[in-house]
Amino acid sequence: MTRQKMPRNGTLACIGIGITLGSHLTPLARSHLQQADVVFLAASDGIVEKWIESLHPDVRSLQPYYAAEKSRKKTYREMVNAILAEVRAGKKVCAAFYGHPGVFAWAPHEAIRIARKEGFDARMEPGISAEDCLYADLGMDPGAVGCQHYEASQLLYYKRRIDASAYLILWQVGAMGDGGRGSAQATTNAAYREILIERLARDYPLAHRIIVYRAATLPIDAPRIERIALRRLASIDIEVADTVVIPPARKLDPDVKTLARLDRLARTQA
């Protein structure tokens, strides 16, 4: 009979605090935050950071790990090391990340992976992400015609297929092509977006209307919803937090053969 390995004393909970200040924190995420010995925080706004600090006496911001000429890979590794140092010290650790801790967030996944490998109890609690806000603010239903999600740089680096009959959502257009260099706040210039326009023009007319979207981080703010022609994407201001949404450019093309097979199957089973 094999002996079960008992978890070590330290624990880790990576939680999502959502996007909009105060309104997206779930009861379970709040419980992890308030019961922790130490809280590490990656917030999208200084006001959000101050609010989290009001909920716990020992909140340690992860923002100082960013630097202008420092690679994000090094930054994220240092974040993971700082979080795990407290877990290894036997503390109950909560790492709070804006939005969803598992969406466009390498550090939470890596911290949980290592913690579990070392025998610690580690878990992730979901949060409301920018994607969730996007569906609500734009009145989009991803189930209506389908929805594709690509990180913008990945769309350029690899031969990805685009279905122009579905929605296309491009993330991190403002940091496109930087290869992981610089801080999370650094933006790349319009020349990168010109290349993106050329790529998208293979599947969409340049006059096709697209949406530049940014979720509101404060309750008093409104989301950014700017509708422009695809050809104008390089000429407007784009920040790291902005997302590009491309509505369908053509209708769904019925698969006549498969529909006929399904019809015959339905009639035989009636």
C-alpha atoms as a PDB file:
ATOM      1  CA  MET A   1       0.000   0.000   0.000  1.00  0.00           C
ATOM      2  CA  THR A   2       1.511   3.319  -1.087  1.00  0.00           C
ATOM      3  CA  ARG A   3       1.562   6.183   1.380  1.00  0.00           C
ATOM      4  CA  GLN A   4      -0.157   9.354   0.162  1.00  0.00           C
ATOM      5  CA  LYS A   5       2.076  12.402   0.030  1.00  0.00           C
ATOM      6  CA  MET A   6       0.760  14.991   2.476  1.00  0.00           C
ATOM      7  CA  PRO A   7       0.674  18.602   1.301  1.00  0.00           C
ATOM      8  CA  ARG A   8       3.257  20.937   2.815  1.00  0.00           C
ATOM      9  CA  ASN A   9       2.214  23.797   5.103  1.00  0.00           C
ATOM     10  CA  GLY A  10       2.376  26.702   2.653  1.00  0.00           C
ATOM     11  CA  THR A  11      -0.547  27.285   0.295  1.00  0.00           C
ATOM     12  CA  LEU A  12      -1.122  29.343  -2.826  1.00  0.00           C
ATOM     13  CA  ALA A  13      -4.336  30.752  -4.269  1.00  0.00           C
ATOM     14  CA  CYS A  14      -4.098  32.697  -7.525  1.00  0.00           C
ATOM     15  CA  ILE A  15      -7.285  34.723  -7.809  1.00  0.00           C
ATOM     16  CA  GLY A  16      -8.834  37.073 -10.354  1.00  0.00           C
ATOM     17  CA  ILE A  17     -10.006  40.483  -9.152  1.00  0.00           C
ATOM     18  CA  GLY A  18     -11.833  41.233 -12.389  1.00  0.00           C
ATOM     19  CA  ILE A  19     -11.584  44.361 -14.489  1.00  0.00           C
ATOM     20  CA  THR A  20     -13.827  47.004 -12.907  1.00  0.00           C
ATOM     21  CA  LEU A  21     -12.944  48.276  -9.436  1.00  0.00           C
ATOM     22  CA  GLY A  22     -14.965  46.719  -6.618  1.00  0.00           C
ATOM     23  CA  SER A  23     -17.649  45.066  -8.701  1.00  0.00           C
ATOM     24  CA  HIS A  24     -15.941  41.953 -10.069  1.00  0.00           C
ATOM     25  CA  LEU A  25     -14.373  40.371  -6.984  1.00  0.00           C
ATOM     26  CA  THR A  26     -16.215  37.129  -6.196  1.00  0.00           C
ATOM     27  CA  PRO A  27     -16.985  36.103  -2.576  1.00  0.00           C
ATOM     28  CA  LEU A  28     -14.597  33.137  -2.835  1.00  0.00           C
ATOM     29  CA  ALA A  29     -11.765  35.282  -4.241  1.00  0.00           C
ATOM     30  CA  ARG A  30     -12.336  37.861  -1.496  1.00  0.00           C
ATOM     31  CA  SER A  31     -12.183  35.086   1.108  1.00  0.00           C
ATOM     32  CA  HIS A  32      -8.810  33.879  -0.186  1.00  0.00           C
ATOM     33  CA  LEU A  33      -7.528  37.446  -0.164  1.00  0.00           C
ATOM     34  CA  GLN A  34      -8.664  38.299   3.352  1.00  0.00           C
ATOM     35  CA  GLN A  35      -7.553  35.010   4.931  1.00  0.00           C
ATOM     36  CA  ALA A  36      -4.064  35.043   3.417  1.00  0.00           C
ATOM     37  CA  ASP A  37      -0.902  35.784   5.385  1.00  0.00           C
ATOM     38  CA  VAL A  38       0.477  37.770   2.470  1.00  0.00           C
ATOM     39  CA  VAL A  39      -1.058  39.086  -0.769  1.00  0.00           C
ATOM     40  CA  PHE A  40       0.845  39.694  -4.005  1.00  0.00           C
ATOM     41  CA  LEU A  41      -0.969  41.998  -6.414  1.00  0.00           C
ATOM     42  CA  ALA A  42      -0.825  42.714 -10.137  1.00  0.00           C
ATOM     43  CA  ALA A  43      -3.424  45.442 -10.692  1.00  0.00           C
ATOM     44  CA  SER A  44      -4.247  47.407 -13.828  1.00  0.00           C
ATOM     45  CA  ASP A  45      -4.754  50.721 -12.064  1.00  0.00           C
ATOM     46  CA  GLY A  46      -3.262  52.537  -9.064  1.00  0.00           C
ATOM     47  CA  ILE A  47      -6.716  53.134  -7.615  1.00  0.00           C
ATOM     48  CA  VAL A  48      -7.474  49.393  -7.825  1.00  0.00           C
ATOM     49  CA  GLU A  49      -4.202  48.747  -6.020  1.00  0.00           C
ATOM     50  CA  LYS A  50      -5.166  51.107  -3.190  1.00  0.00           C
ATOM     51  CA  TRP A  51      -8.547  49.393  -2.874  1.00  0.00           C
ATOM     52  CA  ILE A  52      -6.973  45.937  -2.517  1.00  0.00           C
ATOM     53  CA  GLU A  53      -4.571  47.366   0.073  1.00  0.00           C
ATOM     54  CA  SER A  54      -7.614  48.411   2.123  1.00  0.00           C
ATOM     55  CA  LEU A  55      -8.687  44.753   2.312  1.00  0.00           C
ATOM     56  CA  HIS A  56      -5.440  43.323   3.713  1.00  0.00           C
ATOM     57  CA  PRO A  57      -2.559  44.644   5.876  1.00  0.00           C
ATOM     58  CA  ASP A  58       0.229  43.007   3.830  1.00  0.00           C
ATOM     59  CA  VAL A  59      -0.248  43.639   0.099  1.00  0.00           C
ATOM     60  CA  ARG A  60       2.888  43.542  -2.046  1.00  0.00           C
ATOM     61  CA  SER A  61       2.625  45.059  -5.513  1.00  0.00           C
ATOM     62  CA  LEU A  62       4.161  43.154  -8.416  1.00  0.00           C
ATOM     63  CA  GLN A  63       4.401  46.306 -10.555  1.00  0.00           C
ATOM     64  CA  PRO A  64       7.971  47.189  -9.429  1.00  0.00           C
ATOM     65  CA  TYR A  65       9.241  44.096 -11.224  1.00  0.00           C
ATOM     66  CA  TYR A  66       8.507  45.769 -14.571  1.00  0.00           C
ATOM     67  CA  ALA A  67      11.169  47.971 -16.173  1.00  0.00           C
ATOM     68  CA  ALA A  68      11.423  49.689 -19.549  1.00  0.00           C
ATOM     69  CA  GLU A  69      14.382  47.694 -20.929  1.00  0.00           C
ATOM     70  CA  LYS A  70      13.682  44.470 -19.046  1.00  0.00           C
ATOM     71  CA  SER A  71      12.193  41.457 -20.787  1.00  0.00           C
ATOM     72  CA  ARG A  72       8.770  40.409 -19.615  1.00  0.00           C
ATOM     73  CA  LYS A  73      10.018  36.821 -19.349  1.00  0.00           C
ATOM     74  CA  LYS A  74      12.541  37.889 -16.700  1.00  0.00           C
ATOM     75  CA  THR A  75       9.915  40.018 -14.983  1.00  0.00           C
ATOM     76  CA  TYR A  76       7.436  37.152 -14.767  1.00  0.00           C
ATOM     77  CA  ARG A  77      10.095  34.740 -13.502  1.00  0.00           C
ATOM     78  CA  GLU A  78      10.977  37.165 -10.705  1.00  0.00           C
ATOM     79  CA  MET A  79       7.291  37.453  -9.785  1.00  0.00           C
ATOM     80  CA  VAL A  80       7.000  33.674  -9.562  1.00  0.00           C
ATOM     81  CA  ASN A  81      10.113  33.462  -7.387  1.00  0.00           C
ATOM     82  CA  ALA A  82       8.811  36.130  -5.006  1.00  0.00           C
ATOM     83  CA  ILE A  83       5.441  34.387  -4.633  1.00  0.00           C
ATOM     84  CA  LEU A  84       6.946  30.936  -4.130  1.00  0.00           C
ATOM     85  CA  ALA A  85       9.449  32.193  -1.543  1.00  0.00           C
ATOM     86  CA  GLU A  86       6.550  32.981   0.803  1.00  0.00           C
ATOM     87  CA  VAL A  87       4.776  29.698   0.039  1.00  0.00           C
ATOM     88  CA  ARG A  88       7.985  27.799   0.848  1.00  0.00           C
ATOM     89  CA  ALA A  89       8.199  29.754   4.107  1.00  0.00           C
ATOM     90  CA  GLY A  90       4.958  28.060   5.135  1.00  0.00           C
ATOM     91  CA  LYS A  91       2.648  31.010   4.592  1.00  0.00           C
ATOM     92  CA  LYS A  92      -0.860  31.120   3.184  1.00  0.00           C
ATOM     93  CA  VAL A  93      -0.277  33.159   0.024  1.00  0.00           C
ATOM     94  CA  CYS A  94      -2.811  34.869  -2.215  1.00  0.00           C
ATOM     95  CA  ALA A  95      -1.633  36.160  -5.588  1.00  0.00           C
ATOM     96  CA  ALA A  96      -4.249  38.511  -7.031  1.00  0.00           C
ATOM     97  CA  PHE A  97      -4.242  39.385 -10.737  1.00  0.00           C
ATOM     98  CA  TYR A  98      -6.488  41.783 -12.643  1.00  0.00           C
ATOM     99  CA  GLY A  99      -9.070  40.108 -14.850  1.00  0.00           C
ATOM    100  CA  HIS A 100      -8.835  36.317 -14.902  1.00  0.00           C
ATOM    101  CA  PRO A 101      -5.573  34.901 -13.460  1.00  0.00           C
ATOM    102  CA  GLY A 102      -5.414  32.254 -16.170  1.00  0.00           C
ATOM    103  CA  VAL A 103      -5.915  34.507 -19.201  1.00  0.00           C
ATOM    104  CA  PHE A 104      -2.821  36.106 -20.769  1.00  0.00           C
ATOM    105  CA  ALA A 105      -1.000  35.529 -17.495  1.00  0.00           C
ATOM    106  CA  TRP A 106       2.069  33.266 -17.468  1.00  0.00           C
ATOM    107  CA  ALA A 107       3.107  33.866 -13.859  1.00  0.00           C
ATOM    108  CA  PRO A 108       0.007  32.410 -12.121  1.00  0.00           C
ATOM    109  CA  HIS A 109       0.109  29.203 -14.189  1.00  0.00           C
ATOM    110  CA  GLU A 110       3.831  28.774 -13.576  1.00  0.00           C
ATOM    111  CA  ALA A 111       3.605  29.523  -9.846  1.00  0.00           C
ATOM    112  CA  ILE A 112       0.826  26.949  -9.415  1.00  0.00           C
ATOM    113  CA  ARG A 113       2.695  24.370 -11.491  1.00  0.00           C
ATOM    114  CA  ILE A 114       5.873  24.684  -9.421  1.00  0.00           C
ATOM    115  CA  ALA A 115       4.018  24.837  -6.097  1.00  0.00           C
ATOM    116  CA  ARG A 116       2.115  21.640  -6.848  1.00  0.00           C
ATOM    117  CA  LYS A 117       5.293  19.918  -8.041  1.00  0.00           C
ATOM    118  CA  GLU A 118       6.910  20.781  -4.701  1.00  0.00           C
ATOM    119  CA  GLY A 119       3.961  19.351  -2.771  1.00  0.00           C
ATOM    120  CA  PHE A 120       2.107  22.525  -1.831  1.00  0.00           C
ATOM    121  CA  ASP A 121      -1.643  23.016  -2.115  1.00  0.00           C
ATOM    122  CA  ALA A 122      -2.126  25.473  -4.986  1.00  0.00           C
ATOM    123  CA  ARG A 123      -5.268  26.523  -6.830  1.00  0.00           C
ATOM    124  CA  MET A 124      -6.674  29.083  -9.236  1.00  0.00           C
ATOM    125  CA  GLU A 125      -9.931  30.955  -8.743  1.00  0.00           C
ATOM    126  CA  PRO A 126     -11.419  32.523 -11.902  1.00  0.00           C
ATOM    127  CA  GLY A 127     -12.230  36.172 -12.343  1.00  0.00           C
ATOM    128  CA  ILE A 128     -14.149  38.321 -14.815  1.00  0.00           C
ATOM    129  CA  SER A 129     -11.841  38.959 -17.764  1.00  0.00           C
ATOM    130  CA  ALA A 130     -11.734  41.627 -20.467  1.00  0.00           C
ATOM    131  CA  GLU A 131     -13.316  39.032 -22.743  1.00  0.00           C
ATOM    132  CA  ASP A 132     -16.373  38.791 -20.483  1.00  0.00           C
ATOM    133  CA  CYS A 133     -16.692  42.577 -20.423  1.00  0.00           C
ATOM    134  CA  LEU A 134     -16.328  42.699 -24.195  1.00  0.00           C
ATOM    135  CA  TYR A 135     -19.312  40.426 -24.808  1.00  0.00           C
ATOM    136  CA  ALA A 136     -21.467  42.560 -22.502  1.00  0.00           C
ATOM    137  CA  ASP A 137     -20.354  45.984 -23.738  1.00  0.00           C
ATOM    138  CA  LEU A 138     -20.522  45.132 -27.453  1.00  0.00           C
ATOM    139  CA  GLY A 139     -23.664  42.989 -27.239  1.00  0.00           C
ATOM    140  CA  MET A 140     -21.828  40.036 -28.752  1.00  0.00           C
ATOM    141  CA  ASP A 141     -22.848  36.396 -28.437  1.00  0.00           C
ATOM    142  CA  PRO A 142     -19.865  34.184 -29.344  1.00  0.00           C
ATOM    143  CA  GLY A 143     -22.260  31.313 -29.975  1.00  0.00           C
ATOM    144  CA  ALA A 144     -24.156  33.120 -32.734  1.00  0.00           C
ATOM    145  CA  VAL A 145     -21.644  32.640 -35.573  1.00  0.00           C
ATOM    146  CA  GLY A 146     -18.542  31.509 -33.676  1.00  0.00           C
ATOM    147  CA  CYS A 147     -15.590  33.445 -32.319  1.00  0.00           C
ATOM    148  CA  GLN A 148     -11.824  33.199 -32.879  1.00  0.00           C
ATOM    149  CA  HIS A 149      -9.243  34.557 -30.457  1.00  0.00           C
ATOM    150  CA  TYR A 150      -5.618  35.226 -31.388  1.00  0.00           C
ATOM    151  CA  GLU A 151      -2.815  37.072 -29.703  1.00  0.00           C
ATOM    152  CA  ALA A 152      -1.922  39.635 -32.376  1.00  0.00           C
ATOM    153  CA  SER A 153       1.789  38.836 -32.586  1.00  0.00           C
ATOM    154  CA  GLN A 154       1.023  35.130 -32.889  1.00  0.00           C
ATOM    155  CA  LEU A 155      -1.169  35.847 -35.900  1.00  0.00           C
ATOM    156  CA  LEU A 156       1.850  37.382 -37.641  1.00  0.00           C
ATOM    157  CA  TYR A 157       4.471  34.901 -36.471  1.00  0.00           C
ATOM    158  CA  TYR A 158       2.612  31.783 -37.587  1.00  0.00           C
ATOM    159  CA  LYS A 159       0.441  30.627 -40.477  1.00  0.00           C
ATOM    160  CA  ARG A 160      -2.937  30.838 -38.740  1.00  0.00           C
ATOM    161  CA  ARG A 161      -6.228  30.413 -40.553  1.00  0.00           C
ATOM    162  CA  ILE A 162      -8.936  33.057 -40.257  1.00  0.00           C
ATOM    163  CA  ASP A 163     -12.614  32.294 -40.757  1.00  0.00           C
ATOM    164  CA  ALA A 164     -14.119  35.583 -41.915  1.00  0.00           C
ATOM    165  CA  SER A 165     -17.650  34.290 -41.264  1.00  0.00           C
ATOM    166  CA  ALA A 166     -16.986  34.336 -37.501  1.00  0.00           C
ATOM    167  CA  TYR A 167     -15.917  37.089 -35.097  1.00  0.00           C
ATOM    168  CA  LEU A 168     -12.172  37.613 -34.812  1.00  0.00           C
ATOM    169  CA  ILE A 169     -10.760  39.015 -31.565  1.00  0.00           C
ATOM    170  CA  LEU A 170      -7.134  40.159 -31.514  1.00  0.00           C
ATOM    171  CA  TRP A 171      -5.480  40.656 -28.140  1.00  0.00           C
ATOM    172  CA  GLN A 172      -2.466  42.804 -27.260  1.00  0.00           C
ATOM    173  CA  VAL A 173      -2.352  44.657 -30.557  1.00  0.00           C
ATOM    174  CA  GLY A 174      -0.590  47.518 -28.758  1.00  0.00           C
ATOM    175  CA  ALA A 175       2.351  45.285 -27.780  1.00  0.00           C
ATOM    176  CA  MET A 176       2.500  43.496 -31.104  1.00  0.00           C
ATOM    177  CA  GLY A 177       5.841  42.300 -32.419  1.00  0.00           C
ATOM    178  CA  ASP A 178       8.008  43.312 -29.449  1.00  0.00           C
ATOM    179  CA  GLY A 179       9.076  39.710 -28.840  1.00  0.00           C
ATOM    180  CA  GLY A 180       8.470  39.954 -25.088  1.00  0.00           C
ATOM    181  CA  ARG A 181      10.728  42.960 -24.596  1.00  0.00           C
ATOM    182  CA  GLY A 182       9.859  45.875 -22.345  1.00  0.00           C
ATOM    183  CA  SER A 183       7.216  46.379 -19.668  1.00  0.00           C
ATOM    184  CA  ALA A 184       3.564  45.443 -19.793  1.00  0.00           C
ATOM    185  CA  GLN A 185       2.777  49.113 -20.339  1.00  0.00           C
ATOM    186  CA  ALA A 186       5.081  49.555 -23.372  1.00  0.00           C
ATOM    187  CA  THR A 187       3.421  49.981 -26.754  1.00  0.00           C
ATOM    188  CA  THR A 188       4.780  49.307 -30.217  1.00  0.00           C
ATOM    189  CA  ASN A 189       4.480  51.805 -33.060  1.00  0.00           C
ATOM    190  CA  ALA A 190       2.147  52.058 -36.043  1.00  0.00           C
ATOM    191  CA  ALA A 191       4.586  50.317 -38.403  1.00  0.00           C
ATOM    192  CA  TYR A 192       3.736  47.010 -36.740  1.00  0.00           C
ATOM    193  CA  ARG A 193       0.052  47.650 -37.279  1.00  0.00           C
ATOM    194  CA  GLU A 194       0.637  48.320 -40.981  1.00  0.00           C
ATOM    195  CA  ILE A 195       1.923  44.747 -41.238  1.00  0.00           C
ATOM    196  CA  LEU A 196      -1.143  43.532 -39.349  1.00  0.00           C
ATOM    197  CA  ILE A 197      -3.413  45.400 -41.779  1.00  0.00           C
ATOM    198  CA  GLU A 198      -1.669  43.681 -44.689  1.00  0.00           C
ATOM    199  CA  ARG A 199      -2.238  40.305 -43.050  1.00  0.00           C
ATOM    200  CA  LEU A 200      -5.903  40.971 -42.338  1.00  0.00           C
ATOM    201  CA  ALA A 201      -6.462  42.320 -45.860  1.00  0.00           C
ATOM    202  CA  ARG A 202      -6.075  38.736 -47.130  1.00  0.00           C
ATOM    203  CA  ASP A 203      -9.423  37.943 -45.514  1.00  0.00           C
ATOM    204  CA  TYR A 204     -11.199  41.302 -45.096  1.00  0.00           C
ATOM    205  CA  PRO A 205     -11.840  44.359 -47.308  1.00  0.00           C
ATOM    206  CA  LEU A 206      -9.878  47.417 -46.157  1.00  0.00           C
ATOM    207  CA  ALA A 207     -13.215  49.228 -45.786  1.00  0.00           C
ATOM    208  CA  HIS A 208     -14.520  46.561 -43.383  1.00  0.00           C
ATOM    209  CA  ARG A 209     -15.630  48.113 -40.084  1.00  0.00           C
ATOM    210  CA  ILE A 210     -13.729  46.923 -37.009  1.00  0.00           C
ATOM    211  CA  ILE A 211     -13.942  47.846 -33.327  1.00  0.00           C
ATOM    212  CA  VAL A 212     -11.190  49.008 -30.977  1.00  0.00           C
ATOM    213  CA  TYR A 213     -12.306  48.053 -27.467  1.00  0.00           C
ATOM    214  CA  ARG A 214     -11.047  48.659 -23.938  1.00  0.00           C
ATOM    215  CA  ALA A 215     -12.959  47.616 -20.822  1.00  0.00           C
ATOM    216  CA  ALA A 216     -13.588  50.199 -18.095  1.00  0.00           C
ATOM    217  CA  THR A 217     -11.447  49.725 -14.984  1.00  0.00           C
ATOM    218  CA  LEU A 218     -13.335  52.244 -12.847  1.00  0.00           C
ATOM    219  CA  PRO A 219     -17.129  52.341 -12.315  1.00  0.00           C
ATOM    220  CA  ILE A 220     -17.208  56.006 -13.372  1.00  0.00           C
ATOM    221  CA  ASP A 221     -15.456  55.262 -16.672  1.00  0.00           C
ATOM    222  CA  ALA A 222     -16.992  54.178 -19.960  1.00  0.00           C
ATOM    223  CA  PRO A 223     -15.458  51.461 -22.114  1.00  0.00           C
ATOM    224  CA  ARG A 224     -13.637  52.464 -25.275  1.00  0.00           C
ATOM    225  CA  ILE A 225     -15.745  51.431 -28.259  1.00  0.00           C
ATOM    226  CA  GLU A 226     -14.337  52.982 -31.417  1.00  0.00           C
ATOM    227  CA  ARG A 227     -15.563  51.778 -34.816  1.00  0.00           C
ATOM    228  CA  ILE A 228     -13.226  52.409 -37.734  1.00  0.00           C
ATOM    229  CA  ALA A 229     -12.381  51.029 -41.170  1.00  0.00           C
ATOM    230  CA  LEU A 230      -9.678  48.361 -41.141  1.00  0.00           C
ATOM    231  CA  ARG A 231      -7.383  50.595 -43.208  1.00  0.00           C
ATOM    232  CA  ARG A 232      -7.304  53.148 -40.335  1.00  0.00           C
ATOM    233  CA  LEU A 233      -5.960  50.752 -37.696  1.00  0.00           C
ATOM    234  CA  ALA A 234      -2.415  52.116 -37.981  1.00  0.00           C
ATOM    235  CA  SER A 235      -3.442  55.772 -37.748  1.00  0.00           C
ATOM    236  CA  ILE A 236      -5.185  55.795 -34.336  1.00  0.00           C
ATOM    237  CA  ASP A 237      -3.817  55.524 -30.796  1.00  0.00           C
ATOM    238  CA  ILE A 238      -3.650  51.939 -29.527  1.00  0.00           C
ATOM    239  CA  GLU A 239      -2.662  51.015 -25.976  1.00  0.00           C
ATOM    240  CA  VAL A 240      -1.677  47.641 -24.530  1.00  0.00           C
ATOM    241  CA  ALA A 241      -5.113  47.258 -22.921  1.00  0.00           C
ATOM    242  CA  ASP A 242      -6.929  47.768 -26.241  1.00  0.00           C
ATOM    243  CA  THR A 243      -8.453  44.840 -28.101  1.00  0.00           C
ATOM    244  CA  VAL A 244      -9.406  44.728 -31.766  1.00  0.00           C
ATOM    245  CA  VAL A 245     -12.710  43.050 -32.624  1.00  0.00           C
ATOM    246  CA  ILE A 246     -13.449  42.204 -36.259  1.00  0.00           C
ATOM    247  CA  PRO A 247     -17.086  41.314 -37.021  1.00  0.00           C
ATOM    248  CA  PRO A 248     -17.852  38.730 -39.727  1.00  0.00           C
ATOM    249  CA  ALA A 249     -17.216  39.875 -43.297  1.00  0.00           C
ATOM    250  CA  ARG A 250     -19.269  37.163 -44.962  1.00  0.00           C
ATOM    251  CA  LYS A 251     -22.176  34.868 -44.174  1.00  0.00           C
ATOM    252  CA  LEU A 252     -21.863  31.289 -42.988  1.00  0.00           C
ATOM    253  CA  ASP A 253     -21.428  28.889 -45.920  1.00  0.00           C
ATOM    254  CA  PRO A 254     -23.702  25.844 -45.469  1.00  0.00           C
ATOM    255  CA  ASP A 255     -22.092  22.399 -45.801  1.00  0.00           C
ATOM    256  CA  VAL A 256     -24.710  20.952 -48.154  1.00  0.00           C
ATOM    257  CA  LYS A 257     -23.403  17.375 -48.116  1.00  0.00           C
ATOM    258  CA  THR A 258     -23.268  17.123 -44.327  1.00  0.00           C
ATOM    259  CA  LEU A 259     -26.692  18.740 -43.979  1.00  0.00           C
ATOM    260  CA  ALA A 260     -28.133  16.136 -46.379  1.00  0.00           C
ATOM    261  CA  ARG A 261     -26.563  13.305 -44.359  1.00  0.00           C
ATOM    262  CA  LEU A 262     -27.955  14.684 -41.123  1.00  0.00           C
ATOM    263  CA  ASP A 263     -31.399  15.048 -42.715  1.00  0.00           C
ATOM    264  CA  ARG A 264     -31.346  11.417 -43.879  1.00  0.00           C
ATOM    265  CA  LEU A 265     -30.223  10.286 -40.418  1.00  0.00           C
ATOM    266  CA  ALA A 266     -33.023  12.223 -38.744  1.00  0.00           C
ATOM    267  CA  ARG A 267     -35.632  10.678 -41.068  1.00  0.00           C
ATOM    268  CA  THR A 268     -34.394   7.125 -40.463  1.00  0.00           C
ATOM    269  CA  GLN A 269     -34.541   7.624 -36.661  1.00  0.00           C
ATOM    270  CA  ALA A 270     -37.943   9.333 -36.655  1.00  0.00           C
END
